Structure formats: structure tokens, C-alpha cells
C-alpha atoms as a PDB file:
ATOM      1  CA  MET A   1     -12.012 173.976  95.259  1.00  0.00           C
ATOM      2  CA  PRO A   2      -9.443 171.192  94.613  1.00  0.00           C
ATOM      3  CA  ASP A   3      -6.241 171.810  92.732  1.00  0.00           C
ATOM      4  CA  VAL A   4      -4.771 169.481  90.093  1.00  0.00           C
ATOM      5  CA  THR A   5      -1.757 168.917  92.321  1.00  0.00           C
ATOM      6  CA  GLU A   6      -3.981 167.353  94.986  1.00  0.00           C
ATOM      7  CA  PHE A   7      -4.679 164.505  92.584  1.00  0.00           C
ATOM      8  CA  ALA A   8      -1.109 164.329  91.297  1.00  0.00           C
ATOM      9  CA  ALA A   9       0.141 164.063  94.883  1.00  0.00           C
ATOM     10  CA  ALA A  10      -2.065 161.097  95.714  1.00  0.00           C
ATOM     11  CA  PRO A  11      -0.318 157.809  94.810  1.00  0.00           C
ATOM     12  CA  GLY A  12      -2.238 155.673  92.346  1.00  0.00           C
ATOM     13  CA  ARG A  13      -4.959 158.249  91.839  1.00  0.00           C
ATOM     14  CA  ARG A  14      -5.859 158.968  88.228  1.00  0.00           C
ATOM     15  CA  LEU A  15      -7.019 162.264  86.879  1.00  0.00           C
ATOM     16  CA  SER A  16     -10.630 161.771  85.793  1.00  0.00           C
ATOM     17  CA  ALA A  17     -12.708 164.083  83.661  1.00  0.00           C
ATOM     18  CA  ALA A  18     -14.534 165.255  86.778  1.00  0.00           C
ATOM     19  CA  ALA A  19     -11.228 166.057  88.446  1.00  0.00           C
ATOM     20  CA  LEU A  20     -10.110 168.132  85.451  1.00  0.00           C
ATOM     21  CA  VAL A  21     -13.209 170.359  85.520  1.00  0.00           C
ATOM     22  CA  PRO A  22     -12.013 172.440  88.504  1.00  0.00           C
ATOM     23  CA  VAL A  23      -8.622 172.783  86.824  1.00  0.00           C
ATOM     24  CA  GLY A  24     -10.315 174.125  83.697  1.00  0.00           C
ATOM     25  CA  VAL A  25     -12.399 176.548  85.742  1.00  0.00           C
ATOM     26  CA  ARG A  26      -9.258 177.866  87.452  1.00  0.00           C
ATOM     27  CA  ALA A  27      -7.593 178.352  84.069  1.00  0.00           C
ATOM     28  CA  VAL A  28     -10.385 180.573  82.675  1.00  0.00           C
ATOM     29  CA  PRO A  29      -9.211 183.944  84.109  1.00  0.00           C
ATOM     30  CA  TRP A  30      -5.637 183.344  82.924  1.00  0.00           C
ATOM     31  CA  LEU A  31      -6.800 182.237  79.477  1.00  0.00           C
ATOM     32  CA  LEU A  32      -8.935 185.380  79.304  1.00  0.00           C
ATOM     33  CA  ALA A  33      -5.918 187.564  80.106  1.00  0.00           C
ATOM     34  CA  LEU A  34      -3.854 185.685  77.510  1.00  0.00           C
ATOM     35  CA  GLY A  35      -6.579 186.150  74.896  1.00  0.00           C
ATOM     36  CA  VAL A  36      -6.852 189.906  75.503  1.00  0.00           C
ATOM     37  CA  ALA A  37      -3.056 190.265  75.324  1.00  0.00           C
ATOM     38  CA  CYS A  38      -2.902 188.337  72.045  1.00  0.00           C
ATOM     39  CA  ALA A  39      -5.761 190.392  70.611  1.00  0.00           C
ATOM     40  CA  ALA A  40      -3.961 193.652  71.450  1.00  0.00           C
ATOM     41  CA  LEU A  41      -0.775 192.380  69.788  1.00  0.00           C
ATOM     42  CA  LEU A  42      -2.617 191.162  66.686  1.00  0.00           C
ATOM     43  CA  GLN A  43      -4.484 194.459  66.339  1.00  0.00           C
ATOM     44  CA  THR A  44      -1.156 196.289  66.223  1.00  0.00           C
ATOM     45  CA  GLY A  45       0.315 194.127  63.473  1.00  0.00           C
ATOM     46  CA  THR A  46       2.309 191.596  65.503  1.00  0.00           C
ATOM     47  CA  PRO A  47       2.757 188.340  63.535  1.00  0.00           C
ATOM     48  CA  VAL A  48       1.014 185.294  64.997  1.00  0.00           C
ATOM     49  CA  LEU A  49       4.195 183.210  64.749  1.00  0.00           C
ATOM     50  CA  ASP A  50       6.175 185.759  66.772  1.00  0.00           C
ATOM     51  CA  ILE A  51       3.490 185.840  69.484  1.00  0.00           C
ATOM     52  CA  ALA A  52       3.515 182.034  69.704  1.00  0.00           C
ATOM     53  CA  ARG A  53       7.314 181.824  69.781  1.00  0.00           C
ATOM     54  CA  TYR A  54       7.577 184.505  72.441  1.00  0.00           C
ATOM     55  CA  GLY A  55       4.915 182.810  74.552  1.00  0.00           C
ATOM     56  CA  ALA A  56       6.803 179.511  74.315  1.00  0.00           C
ATOM     57  CA  TYR A  57      10.018 181.300  75.317  1.00  0.00           C
ATOM     58  CA  TRP A  58       8.382 182.727  78.454  1.00  0.00           C
ATOM     59  CA  CYS A  59       6.814 179.397  79.436  1.00  0.00           C
ATOM     60  CA  PHE A  60       9.717 177.042  78.809  1.00  0.00           C
ATOM     61  CA  ALA A  61      12.851 179.225  78.867  1.00  0.00           C
ATOM     62  CA  VAL A  62      12.020 181.559  81.781  1.00  0.00           C
ATOM     63  CA  THR A  63       9.141 180.356  83.951  1.00  0.00           C
ATOM     64  CA  LEU A  64       9.673 176.571  83.964  1.00  0.00           C
ATOM     65  CA  PRO A  65      13.375 176.563  84.990  1.00  0.00           C
ATOM     66  CA  GLY A  66      12.702 179.453  87.363  1.00  0.00           C
ATOM     67  CA  VAL A  67       9.863 177.630  89.147  1.00  0.00           C
ATOM     68  CA  LEU A  68      12.012 174.516  89.589  1.00  0.00           C
ATOM     69  CA  VAL A  69      14.949 176.462  91.029  1.00  0.00           C
ATOM     70  CA  ALA A  70      12.713 178.646  93.233  1.00  0.00           C
ATOM     71  CA  ARG A  71      10.994 175.594  94.722  1.00  0.00           C
ATOM     72  CA  ALA A  72      14.359 173.952  95.375  1.00  0.00           C
ATOM     73  CA  THR A  73      15.789 177.042  97.101  1.00  0.00           C
ATOM     74  CA  VAL A  74      12.924 178.808  98.912  1.00  0.00           C
ATOM     75  CA  GLY A  75      10.135 176.235  98.761  1.00  0.00           C
ATOM     76  CA  THR A  76       6.596 176.225  97.426  1.00  0.00           C
ATOM     77  CA  ARG A  77       3.487 178.165  98.431  1.00  0.00           C
ATOM     78  CA  GLY A  78       1.297 175.161  97.669  1.00  0.00           C
ATOM     79  CA  ASN A  79      -0.263 176.599  94.511  1.00  0.00           C
ATOM     80  CA  TRP A  80       0.854 177.305  90.966  1.00  0.00           C
ATOM     81  CA  PRO A  81       0.055 181.037  90.626  1.00  0.00           C
ATOM     82  CA  GLU A  82       2.241 182.067  93.570  1.00  0.00           C
ATOM     83  CA  ASP A  83       4.958 179.585  92.604  1.00  0.00           C
ATOM     84  CA  VAL A  84       4.939 180.948  89.050  1.00  0.00           C
ATOM     85  CA  ALA A  85       5.255 184.487  90.452  1.00  0.00           C
ATOM     86  CA  LEU A  86       8.576 183.923  92.220  1.00  0.00           C
ATOM     87  CA  GLY A  87       9.596 181.334  89.656  1.00  0.00           C
ATOM     88  CA  ALA A  88       9.346 183.797  86.777  1.00  0.00           C
ATOM     89  CA  VAL A  89      11.471 186.322  88.684  1.00  0.00           C
ATOM     90  CA  THR A  90      13.991 183.578  89.436  1.00  0.00           C
ATOM     91  CA  GLY A  91      14.015 182.689  85.748  1.00  0.00           C
ATOM     92  CA  LEU A  92      14.837 186.286  84.818  1.00  0.00           C
ATOM     93  CA  VAL A  93      17.789 186.256  87.232  1.00  0.00           C
ATOM     94  CA  LEU A  94      19.087 182.888  86.019  1.00  0.00           C
ATOM     95  CA  GLU A  95      18.785 184.156  82.457  1.00  0.00           C
ATOM     96  CA  LEU A  96      21.247 186.953  83.256  1.00  0.00           C
ATOM     97  CA  VAL A  97      23.732 184.552  84.843  1.00  0.00           C
ATOM     98  CA  CYS A  98      23.581 182.107  81.943  1.00  0.00           C
ATOM     99  CA  PHE A  99      23.826 184.928  79.409  1.00  0.00           C
ATOM    100  CA  ALA A 100      27.072 186.080  81.029  1.00  0.00           C
ATOM    101  CA  ILE A 101      28.514 182.542  81.068  1.00  0.00           C
ATOM    102  CA  TRP A 102      27.490 181.730  77.501  1.00  0.00           C
ATOM    103  CA  SER A 103      28.690 185.128  76.223  1.00  0.00           C
ATOM    104  CA  LEU A 104      32.166 184.722  77.734  1.00  0.00           C
ATOM    105  CA  PHE A 105      32.602 181.833  75.290  1.00  0.00           C
ATOM    106  CA  GLY A 106      30.852 183.600  72.413  1.00  0.00           C
ATOM    107  CA  LEU A 107      27.910 181.192  72.542  1.00  0.00           C
ATOM    108  CA  GLN A 108      25.009 183.660  72.599  1.00  0.00           C
ATOM    109  CA  GLN A 109      23.338 181.814  69.719  1.00  0.00           C
ATOM    110  CA  GLN A 110      23.154 178.665  71.886  1.00  0.00           C
ATOM    111  CA  LEU A 111      21.370 180.292  74.845  1.00  0.00           C
ATOM    112  CA  TRP A 112      18.364 178.054  74.206  1.00  0.00           C
ATOM    113  CA  LEU A 113      20.376 175.340  75.949  1.00  0.00           C
ATOM    114  CA  TRP A 114      20.340 176.885  79.441  1.00  0.00           C
ATOM    115  CA  PRO A 115      16.715 176.045  80.365  1.00  0.00           C
ATOM    116  CA  LEU A 116      17.271 172.571  78.923  1.00  0.00           C
ATOM    117  CA  VAL A 117      20.235 172.097  81.276  1.00  0.00           C
ATOM    118  CA  VAL A 118      18.043 173.004  84.287  1.00  0.00           C
ATOM    119  CA  VAL A 119      15.247 170.682  83.188  1.00  0.00           C
ATOM    120  CA  VAL A 120      17.640 167.751  82.672  1.00  0.00           C
ATOM    121  CA  ILE A 121      19.180 168.282  86.121  1.00  0.00           C
ATOM    122  CA  PHE A 122      15.755 168.307  87.795  1.00  0.00           C
ATOM    123  CA  LEU A 123      14.760 165.161  85.909  1.00  0.00           C
ATOM    124  CA  ALA A 124      18.013 163.299  86.554  1.00  0.00           C
ATOM    125  CA  ALA A 125      18.604 164.083  90.245  1.00  0.00           C
ATOM    126  CA  PRO A 126      16.270 161.961  92.432  1.00  0.00           C
ATOM    127  CA  ARG A 127      16.172 164.556  95.242  1.00  0.00           C
ATOM    128  CA  LEU A 128      15.099 167.270  92.811  1.00  0.00           C
ATOM    129  CA  ARG A 129      12.314 165.418  91.007  1.00  0.00           C
ATOM    130  CA  ARG A 130       9.782 166.213  93.737  1.00  0.00           C
ATOM    131  CA  HIS A 131       9.891 169.895  92.731  1.00  0.00           C
ATOM    132  CA  TRP A 132       7.979 169.134  89.535  1.00  0.00           C
ATOM    133  CA  ARG A 133       4.780 168.898  91.564  1.00  0.00           C
ATOM    134  CA  ILE A 134       3.243 170.285  94.728  1.00  0.00           C
ATOM    135  CA  GLY A 135       3.161 167.724  97.519  1.00  0.00           C
ATOM    136  CA  SER A 136       0.823 169.565  99.902  1.00  0.00           C
ATOM    137  CA  PRO A 137      -1.528 171.765  97.845  1.00  0.00           C
ATOM    138  CA  ARG A 138      -2.901 174.969  99.338  1.00  0.00           C
ATOM    139  CA  PRO A 139      -4.994 176.365  96.469  1.00  0.00           C
ATOM    140  CA  LEU A 140      -5.971 180.009  96.433  1.00  0.00           C
ATOM    141  CA  PRO A 141      -9.604 181.117  96.171  1.00  0.00           C
ATOM    142  CA  LEU A 142     -10.837 181.446  92.604  1.00  0.00           C
ATOM    143  CA  LEU A 143     -11.533 185.141  93.262  1.00  0.00           C
ATOM    144  CA  TRP A 144      -7.787 185.646  93.779  1.00  0.00           C
ATOM    145  CA  SER A 145      -7.129 184.447  90.240  1.00  0.00           C
ATOM    146  CA  TRP A 146      -9.940 186.547  88.799  1.00  0.00           C
ATOM    147  CA  GLY A 147      -8.731 189.618  90.694  1.00  0.00           C
ATOM    148  CA  VAL A 148      -5.107 189.367  89.541  1.00  0.00           C
ATOM    149  CA  ALA A 149      -5.984 188.331  85.984  1.00  0.00           C
ATOM    150  CA  SER A 150      -8.459 191.213  85.688  1.00  0.00           C
ATOM    151  CA  ALA A 151      -5.697 193.631  86.697  1.00  0.00           C
ATOM    152  CA  ILE A 152      -3.556 192.294  83.835  1.00  0.00           C
ATOM    153  CA  VAL A 153      -6.484 192.709  81.430  1.00  0.00           C
ATOM    154  CA  ALA A 154      -7.181 196.248  82.668  1.00  0.00           C
ATOM    155  CA  SER A 155      -3.551 197.294  82.115  1.00  0.00           C
ATOM    156  CA  ILE A 156      -3.447 196.179  78.469  1.00  0.00           C
ATOM    157  CA  PRO A 157      -5.413 199.109  76.910  1.00  0.00           C
ATOM    158  CA  THR A 158      -2.913 201.576  78.395  1.00  0.00           C
ATOM    159  CA  VAL A 159      -0.016 199.483  77.113  1.00  0.00           C
ATOM    160  CA  ARG A 160      -1.612 199.318  73.673  1.00  0.00           C
ATOM    161  CA  VAL A 161      -1.867 203.092  73.455  1.00  0.00           C
ATOM    162  CA  ASP A 162       1.460 204.022  75.049  1.00  0.00           C
ATOM    163  CA  ALA A 163       3.809 201.202  74.027  1.00  0.00           C
ATOM    164  CA  PHE A 164       2.419 199.955  70.708  1.00  0.00           C
ATOM    165  CA  ALA A 165       2.117 203.292  68.926  1.00  0.00           C
ATOM    166  CA  ALA A 166       5.195 202.901  66.703  1.00  0.00           C
ATOM    167  CA  PRO A 167       4.771 200.725  63.596  1.00  0.00           C
ATOM    168  CA  LEU A 168       6.769 197.562  63.077  1.00  0.00           C
ATOM    169  CA  PRO A 169       9.502 197.672  60.420  1.00  0.00           C
ATOM    170  CA  PRO A 170       9.612 197.917  57.482  1.00  0.00           C
ATOM    171  CA  ALA A 171       6.683 200.324  57.846  1.00  0.00           C
ATOM    172  CA  GLY A 172       7.708 203.909  58.554  1.00  0.00           C
ATOM    173  CA  GLY A 173       6.328 206.265  61.175  1.00  0.00           C
ATOM    174  CA  LEU A 174       7.096 208.136  64.358  1.00  0.00           C
ATOM    175  CA  TYR A 175       9.216 206.450  67.032  1.00  0.00           C
ATOM    176  CA  TYR A 176       9.806 207.504  70.606  1.00  0.00           C
ATOM    177  CA  ARG A 177      13.284 209.039  70.761  1.00  0.00           C
ATOM    178  CA  ASP A 178      14.738 206.266  72.966  1.00  0.00           C
ATOM    179  CA  VAL A 179      13.480 203.309  70.910  1.00  0.00           C
ATOM    180  CA  THR A 180      16.373 203.190  68.461  1.00  0.00           C
ATOM    181  CA  TRP A 181      18.825 203.523  71.381  1.00  0.00           C
ATOM    182  CA  HIS A 182      17.270 200.534  73.152  1.00  0.00           C
ATOM    183  CA  LEU A 183      17.178 198.556  69.920  1.00  0.00           C
ATOM    184  CA  SER A 184      20.859 199.223  69.256  1.00  0.00           C
ATOM    185  CA  ILE A 185      21.839 197.937  72.716  1.00  0.00           C
ATOM    186  CA  VAL A 186      19.739 194.799  72.264  1.00  0.00           C
ATOM    187  CA  HIS A 187      21.403 194.106  68.915  1.00  0.00           C
ATOM    188  CA  GLU A 188      24.873 194.789  70.324  1.00  0.00           C
ATOM    189  CA  LEU A 189      24.316 192.282  73.145  1.00  0.00           C
ATOM    190  CA  THR A 190      23.713 189.517  70.608  1.00  0.00           C
ATOM    191  CA  ARG A 191      27.275 189.853  69.302  1.00  0.00           C
ATOM    192  CA  SER A 192      29.594 191.366  71.958  1.00  0.00           C
ATOM    193  CA  PHE A 193      30.174 191.008  75.688  1.00  0.00           C
ATOM    194  CA  PRO A 194      30.591 193.221  77.560  1.00  0.00           C
ATOM    195  CA  PRO A 195      28.598 195.300  75.100  1.00  0.00           C
ATOM    196  CA  GLN A 196      30.150 198.162  73.202  1.00  0.00           C
ATOM    197  CA  VAL A 197      28.447 201.420  72.342  1.00  0.00           C
ATOM    198  CA  ALA A 198      26.661 200.462  69.131  1.00  0.00           C
ATOM    199  CA  GLN A 199      27.431 203.839  67.551  1.00  0.00           C
ATOM    200  CA  VAL A 200      31.159 203.892  68.497  1.00  0.00           C
ATOM    201  CA  ALA A 201      33.203 200.765  67.810  1.00  0.00           C
ATOM    202  CA  GLY A 202      35.572 199.763  70.613  1.00  0.00           C
ATOM    203  CA  ASP A 203      33.933 201.915  73.307  1.00  0.00           C
ATOM    204  CA  VAL A 204      32.534 199.819  76.191  1.00  0.00           C
ATOM    205  CA  LEU A 205      28.939 200.659  77.061  1.00  0.00           C
ATOM    206  CA  HIS A 206      28.604 202.094  80.572  1.00  0.00           C
ATOM    207  CA  TYR A 207      24.866 201.869  81.143  1.00  0.00           C
ATOM    208  CA  HIS A 208      22.301 199.860  83.087  1.00  0.00           C
ATOM    209  CA  TRP A 209      21.766 197.267  80.348  1.00  0.00           C
ATOM    210  CA  PHE A 210      20.442 194.197  82.213  1.00  0.00           C
ATOM    211  CA  SER A 211      16.913 194.767  80.924  1.00  0.00           C
ATOM    212  CA  HIS A 212      18.351 194.789  77.414  1.00  0.00           C
ATOM    213  CA  VAL A 213      19.935 191.397  78.125  1.00  0.00           C
ATOM    214  CA  HIS A 214      16.430 190.059  78.731  1.00  0.00           C
ATOM    215  CA  LEU A 215      15.269 191.453  75.377  1.00  0.00           C
ATOM    216  CA  ALA A 216      18.342 190.123  73.581  1.00  0.00           C
ATOM    217  CA  VAL A 217      17.935 186.639  75.078  1.00  0.00           C
ATOM    218  CA  ALA A 218      14.228 186.712  74.195  1.00  0.00           C
ATOM    219  CA  HIS A 219      15.188 187.368  70.573  1.00  0.00           C
ATOM    220  CA  LEU A 220      17.946 184.747  70.518  1.00  0.00           C
ATOM    221  CA  VAL A 221      15.866 182.001  72.148  1.00  0.00           C
ATOM    222  CA  SER A 222      12.442 182.666  70.612  1.00  0.00           C
ATOM    223  CA  GLY A 223      13.613 183.699  67.166  1.00  0.00           C
ATOM    224  CA  ALA A 224      11.284 186.709  67.139  1.00  0.00           C
ATOM    225  CA  PRO A 225      12.927 189.721  65.441  1.00  0.00           C
ATOM    226  CA  GLU A 226      14.625 192.206  67.761  1.00  0.00           C
ATOM    227  CA  ALA A 227      12.406 195.071  66.584  1.00  0.00           C
ATOM    228  CA  THR A 228       9.248 193.042  67.273  1.00  0.00           C
ATOM    229  CA  VAL A 229      10.506 192.180  70.756  1.00  0.00           C
ATOM    230  CA  VAL A 230      11.363 195.813  71.564  1.00  0.00           C
ATOM    231  CA  LEU A 231       8.296 197.422  69.986  1.00  0.00           C
ATOM    232  CA  ARG A 232       5.639 194.846  70.944  1.00  0.00           C
ATOM    233  CA  LEU A 233       6.351 191.642  72.815  1.00  0.00           C
ATOM    234  CA  TRP A 234       8.405 192.453  75.909  1.00  0.00           C
ATOM    235  CA  ILE A 235       6.113 194.501  78.150  1.00  0.00           C
ATOM    236  CA  ILE A 236       2.907 192.495  78.732  1.00  0.00           C
ATOM    237  CA  PRO A 237       4.631 189.400  80.219  1.00  0.00           C
ATOM    238  CA  LEU A 238       6.678 191.600  82.559  1.00  0.00           C
ATOM    239  CA  LEU A 239       3.577 193.453  83.731  1.00  0.00           C
ATOM    240  CA  ALA A 240       1.826 190.118  84.294  1.00  0.00           C
ATOM    241  CA  VAL A 241       4.745 188.894  86.406  1.00  0.00           C
ATOM    242  CA  THR A 242       4.704 192.203  88.321  1.00  0.00           C
ATOM    243  CA  ALA A 243       1.017 191.679  89.128  1.00  0.00           C
ATOM    244  CA  LEU A 244       1.630 188.092  90.252  1.00  0.00           C
ATOM    245  CA  ILE A 245       4.686 188.801  92.387  1.00  0.00           C
ATOM    246  CA  GLY A 246       3.069 191.898  93.902  1.00  0.00           C
ATOM    247  CA  ALA A 247       0.008 189.840  94.800  1.00  0.00           C
ATOM    248  CA  ARG A 248       2.198 187.171  96.375  1.00  0.00           C
ATOM    249  CA  LEU A 249       4.087 189.752  98.440  1.00  0.00           C
ATOM    250  CA  ALA A 250       0.812 191.271  99.670  1.00  0.00           C
ATOM    251  CA  VAL A 251      -0.555 187.882 100.764  1.00  0.00           C
ATOM    252  CA  GLU A 252       2.702 186.986 102.540  1.00  0.00           C
ATOM    253  CA  LEU A 253       2.674 190.321 104.366  1.00  0.00           C
ATOM    254  CA  SER A 254      -0.981 190.372 105.372  1.00  0.00           C
ATOM    255  CA  GLY A 255      -1.978 186.712 105.465  1.00  0.00           C
ATOM    256  CA  ARG A 256      -5.216 187.716 103.675  1.00  0.00           C
ATOM    257  CA  TRP A 257      -5.907 186.322 100.186  1.00  0.00           C
ATOM    258  CA  TRP A 258      -7.860 189.402  99.054  1.00  0.00           C
ATOM    259  CA  SER A 259      -4.826 191.642  99.512  1.00  0.00           C
ATOM    260  CA  GLY A 260      -3.255 189.991  96.459  1.00  0.00           C
ATOM    261  CA  PRO A 261      -5.723 191.292  93.843  1.00  0.00           C
ATOM    262  CA  VAL A 262      -5.731 194.706  95.556  1.00  0.00           C
ATOM    263  CA  ALA A 263      -1.937 194.879  95.248  1.00  0.00           C
ATOM    264  CA  ALA A 264      -2.038 193.764  91.606  1.00  0.00           C
ATOM    265  CA  TRP A 265      -4.511 196.510  90.695  1.00  0.00           C
ATOM    266  CA  ALA A 266      -2.567 199.107  92.683  1.00  0.00           C
ATOM    267  CA  LEU A 267       0.684 198.190  90.932  1.00  0.00           C
ATOM    268  CA  ILE A 268      -0.087 197.813  87.243  1.00  0.00           C
ATOM    269  CA  VAL A 269      -3.444 199.570  86.811  1.00  0.00           C
ATOM    270  CA  PHE A 270      -3.288 202.512  89.223  1.00  0.00           C
ATOM    271  CA  GLN A 271       0.530 202.358  89.152  1.00  0.00           C
ATOM    272  CA  GLY A 272       1.192 202.634  92.846  1.00  0.00           C
ATOM    273  CA  THR A 273       2.026 206.238  93.579  1.00  0.00           C
ATOM    274  CA  SER A 274      -0.697 207.635  91.324  1.00  0.00           C
ATOM    275  CA  LEU A 275      -3.022 206.693  94.185  1.00  0.00           C
ATOM    276  CA  LEU A 276      -1.338 209.356  96.316  1.00  0.00           C
ATOM    277  CA  PRO A 277      -2.280 213.062  96.304  1.00  0.00           C
ATOM    278  CA  VAL A 278       0.829 214.196  94.417  1.00  0.00           C
ATOM    279  CA  LEU A 279       1.326 216.429  91.384  1.00  0.00           C
ATOM    280  CA  GLY A 280       2.959 215.505  88.095  1.00  0.00           C
ATOM    281  CA  GLU A 281       3.807 212.096  86.664  1.00  0.00           C
ATOM    282  CA  ALA A 282       4.117 209.832  89.678  1.00  0.00           C
ATOM    283  CA  GLY A 283       3.304 206.439  88.140  1.00  0.00           C
ATOM    284  CA  VAL A 284       5.834 203.660  88.730  1.00  0.00           C
ATOM    285  CA  ILE A 285       5.389 202.156  85.246  1.00  0.00           C
ATOM    286  CA  PHE A 286       6.720 203.906  82.162  1.00  0.00           C
ATOM    287  CA  PRO A 287       5.801 201.650  79.203  1.00  0.00           C
ATOM    288  CA  LEU A 288       8.560 203.014  76.981  1.00  0.00           C
ATOM    289  CA  SER A 289      11.338 202.280  79.502  1.00  0.00           C
ATOM    290  CA  PRO A 290      12.440 198.610  79.547  1.00  0.00           C
ATOM    291  CA  SER A 291      14.628 199.161  82.612  1.00  0.00           C
ATOM    292  CA  GLN A 292      11.794 200.737  84.618  1.00  0.00           C
ATOM    293  CA  VAL A 293       9.356 197.905  83.895  1.00  0.00           C
ATOM    294  CA  TYR A 294      11.950 195.134  84.150  1.00  0.00           C
ATOM    295  CA  VAL A 295      13.181 196.125  87.607  1.00  0.00           C
ATOM    296  CA  LEU A 296       9.727 196.056  89.257  1.00  0.00           C
ATOM    297  CA  PRO A 297       9.292 192.260  89.566  1.00  0.00           C
ATOM    298  CA  LEU A 298      12.934 191.956  90.678  1.00  0.00           C
ATOM    299  CA  VAL A 299      12.436 194.447  93.505  1.00  0.00           C
ATOM    300  CA  LEU A 300       9.216 192.753  94.606  1.00  0.00           C
ATOM    301  CA  GLY A 301      10.958 189.377  94.607  1.00  0.00           C
ATOM    302  CA  ILE A 302      13.729 190.864  96.749  1.00  0.00           C
ATOM    303  CA  ALA A 303      11.120 192.223  99.151  1.00  0.00           C
ATOM    304  CA  ILE A 304       9.568 188.763  99.593  1.00  0.00           C
ATOM    305  CA  LEU A 305      12.883 187.186 100.584  1.00  0.00           C
ATOM    306  CA  VAL A 306      13.886 190.110 102.811  1.00  0.00           C
ATOM    307  CA  VAL A 307      10.549 189.981 104.635  1.00  0.00           C
ATOM    308  CA  ARG A 308      11.011 186.263 105.207  1.00  0.00           C
ATOM    309  CA  ALA A 309      14.488 186.843 106.620  1.00  0.00           C
ATOM    310  CA  LEU A 310      13.266 189.661 108.896  1.00  0.00           C
ATOM    311  CA  ARG A 311      10.559 187.349 110.222  1.00  0.00           C
ATOM    312  CA  GLY A 312      13.200 184.875 111.301  1.00  0.00           C
ATOM    313  CA  LEU A 313      12.802 182.309 108.530  1.00  0.00           C
ATOM    314  CA  ASN A 314      16.034 180.598 107.510  1.00  0.00           C
ATOM    315  CA  LEU A 315      16.489 181.250 103.798  1.00  0.00           C
ATOM    316  CA  ARG A 316      19.370 178.763 103.530  1.00  0.00           C
ATOM    317  CA  VAL A 317      20.133 178.461  99.803  1.00  0.00           C
ATOM    318  CA  GLY A 318      17.651 181.272  99.280  1.00  0.00           C
ATOM    319  CA  TRP A 319      20.355 183.719 100.393  1.00  0.00           C
ATOM    320  CA  ALA A 320      22.209 182.994  97.144  1.00  0.00           C
ATOM    321  CA  LEU A 321      19.023 183.682  95.194  1.00  0.00           C
ATOM    322  CA  LEU A 322      18.528 186.937  97.094  1.00  0.00           C
ATOM    323  CA  ALA A 323      22.096 188.014  96.303  1.00  0.00           C
ATOM    324  CA  LEU A 324      21.559 187.329  92.601  1.00  0.00           C
ATOM    325  CA  MET A 325      18.296 189.312  92.642  1.00  0.00           C
ATOM    326  CA  LEU A 326      20.055 192.283  94.241  1.00  0.00           C
ATOM    327  CA  VAL A 327      22.763 192.231  91.566  1.00  0.00           C
ATOM    328  CA  ALA A 328      20.153 191.913  88.823  1.00  0.00           C
ATOM    329  CA  ALA A 329      18.106 194.836  90.170  1.00  0.00           C
ATOM    330  CA  ALA A 330      21.202 197.024  90.537  1.00  0.00           C
ATOM    331  CA  GLY A 331      22.209 196.376  86.938  1.00  0.00           C
ATOM    332  CA  ALA A 332      18.682 196.881  85.666  1.00  0.00           C
ATOM    333  CA  LYS A 333      17.936 200.221  87.341  1.00  0.00           C
ATOM    334  CA  PRO A 334      20.456 201.495  89.929  1.00  0.00           C
ATOM    335  CA  THR A 335      17.973 204.032  91.308  1.00  0.00           C
ATOM    336  CA  ALA A 336      15.903 201.111  92.610  1.00  0.00           C
ATOM    337  CA  MET A 337      18.529 200.118  95.156  1.00  0.00           C
ATOM    338  CA  PRO A 338      18.100 203.069  97.586  1.00  0.00           C
ATOM    339  CA  LEU A 339      14.384 202.228  97.654  1.00  0.00           C
ATOM    340  CA  VAL A 340      15.170 198.570  98.374  1.00  0.00           C
ATOM    341  CA  LEU A 341      17.451 199.584 101.254  1.00  0.00           C
ATOM    342  CA  ALA A 342      14.807 201.954 102.611  1.00  0.00           C
END
């Protein structure tokens, strides 16, 4: 089935209505996943405006600049889903770097500028403009998209029960004991750098707070309230990226398209180790832990680049991206690093 980029790559060829039909068909599974996610958020009292603003933040302030930089450093896979997978992870890493730079000058409120800077550079530099499109499309089978998107859909009921139980302020109710701790760190990161302990003025916070940077930037850029970000909005996009990047890693390892959906289901639905005959809580996803969920796509992105290097591919500028991913993962969840080394 043709991909939209096949037509965009052909000089002088216009996109006709017939050419757009396959594009629409390919979009159906992702639109279905988006619809189910929005329905779950609406059912738990999340304002429509906050959902829309957060979605725009993920599209234009994380994924778009990340895809452009990922294509410029490690290349394209010839299709949008796999490019978006590594691009979103790249966007998360760049977000951390830009947060640190902006915060050193006390400019956290102007963080919306960083994706704009990337976009302008890729529009202005002639050698970088080609990364806006795919020159040699290699579209994935439609069943790949349905398989990965269905994994995202299947994970949402569990997220709804486990992560959306607490009411949104100003309503009262029961909160998981760590929620107010996470919320205090997110708020502190919007006003101080390096962050202080929110409960003790002047005491520097010694904690793995990179996942909280992501939540703070999401609030600052999207305008969604911090409590809504922490209690509702943050987890589903990260799980979707985990499914995508896990599927991409599986395909790169095996060379078989069907391994992608299998990996996506194993990661975010069956949660990896729960497939093994072990006792106790062995799942790799804990919906109430931002650091645990946030580090997963970073580690999978690291694995993709490491596998490429071990197979003799020259990463070139990709080595810098790999280094940034390693730093990001270490600051997000230090216990992930021994597993990466193993």
C-alpha cells in the first residue's frame, strides 16, 4: 500500500483524492487509539481544552523537533510510525537539554521557544530541509499499525483504573501517597534550577527528577495545570511512545514486521516480565511512578542505537544522541543503567 511520502517525493506529482485514500486508511488505527485515550480522559473529568493543549504540545513541542533531529543524526526508516518512535524519544532528550539551558537564565516560562528554534533551523538550512519528508518510502504493512495501535488501546483500561483514580482539584478524595511529592517537584522545577526540596527552602533536591522535568515542561508549554498533567495527561503518550519504540527495536532486531506488534503488546499490555513464571509484582510499568514509565522509551531508544553500533553501523553524529539518551536515562531512573549495561 503506498505511503503519502511516495507522492511527496515525486517531483511535480500532486496529491489527488485517490492518493489520499490510502493515507486515510493508514491513519484509522492511530485515530482509534487517540479516540479511546480521549474518551478515558473525558470520563475521568479531564477538561477538553487541557486534552487539546497537551496533544498539541506532544505533536509540535516534542515529536516534530525530535523527528527532524533524529532523521538528521541517525537517518530515517522510510516510514512515519518508526520515525515518530525514535523522534519522540529524541524530543524528550532535547527537552531536557533545552530546559537546563533556559533555566540557567531563569527563562522557564519561555520554553515554548525551543521547538520553534529547531523548526526554524530545519526550514532555513538548505541541507536540512530534506528531513521534512521521506525520500525513499518503505511503508510498513497495515497490520503493523493495527497491532501496535491495538496494544495502546488495550493498555488504556488499566491506566484508567490505576492512574486516574484520584480526583482532579478542587475536588477532594484519596490520593496515592507519592502524588503530592511528585506534584511538589514539578511545581518547584517551574521556578528554581537546580530544584530545591519543595518542603525545605534552600535545600537542593537530590533525587532522580528528570521525569519531573518532562511534566514541568509539559505544563509550561501546554498551559495545562500541573495537577492535571500529573494526575491525568502524562502517562498515555509515554506508553504510546514505549509501544512504538519497542516495536521499532523488535523489527530492527529480527527483520520481521510482525515482531513489532508482538513487542508492543508484550511491553505495555502484558508488561514484559509478567509473561515469565515469577511470583509477586514483576510488571515493568507502574502507572503511579513517572520515573518508571518515563525511562522505558529512553532505554529502548538507547538499545536501538547500541544494536546498530554493535552491528558495525557508523552512528556518526548519532553517538552524541546516544550519549544524551544515556544521561537522560540515568537521571530519570538510575536503576535502569545496570540493565542497559547488561
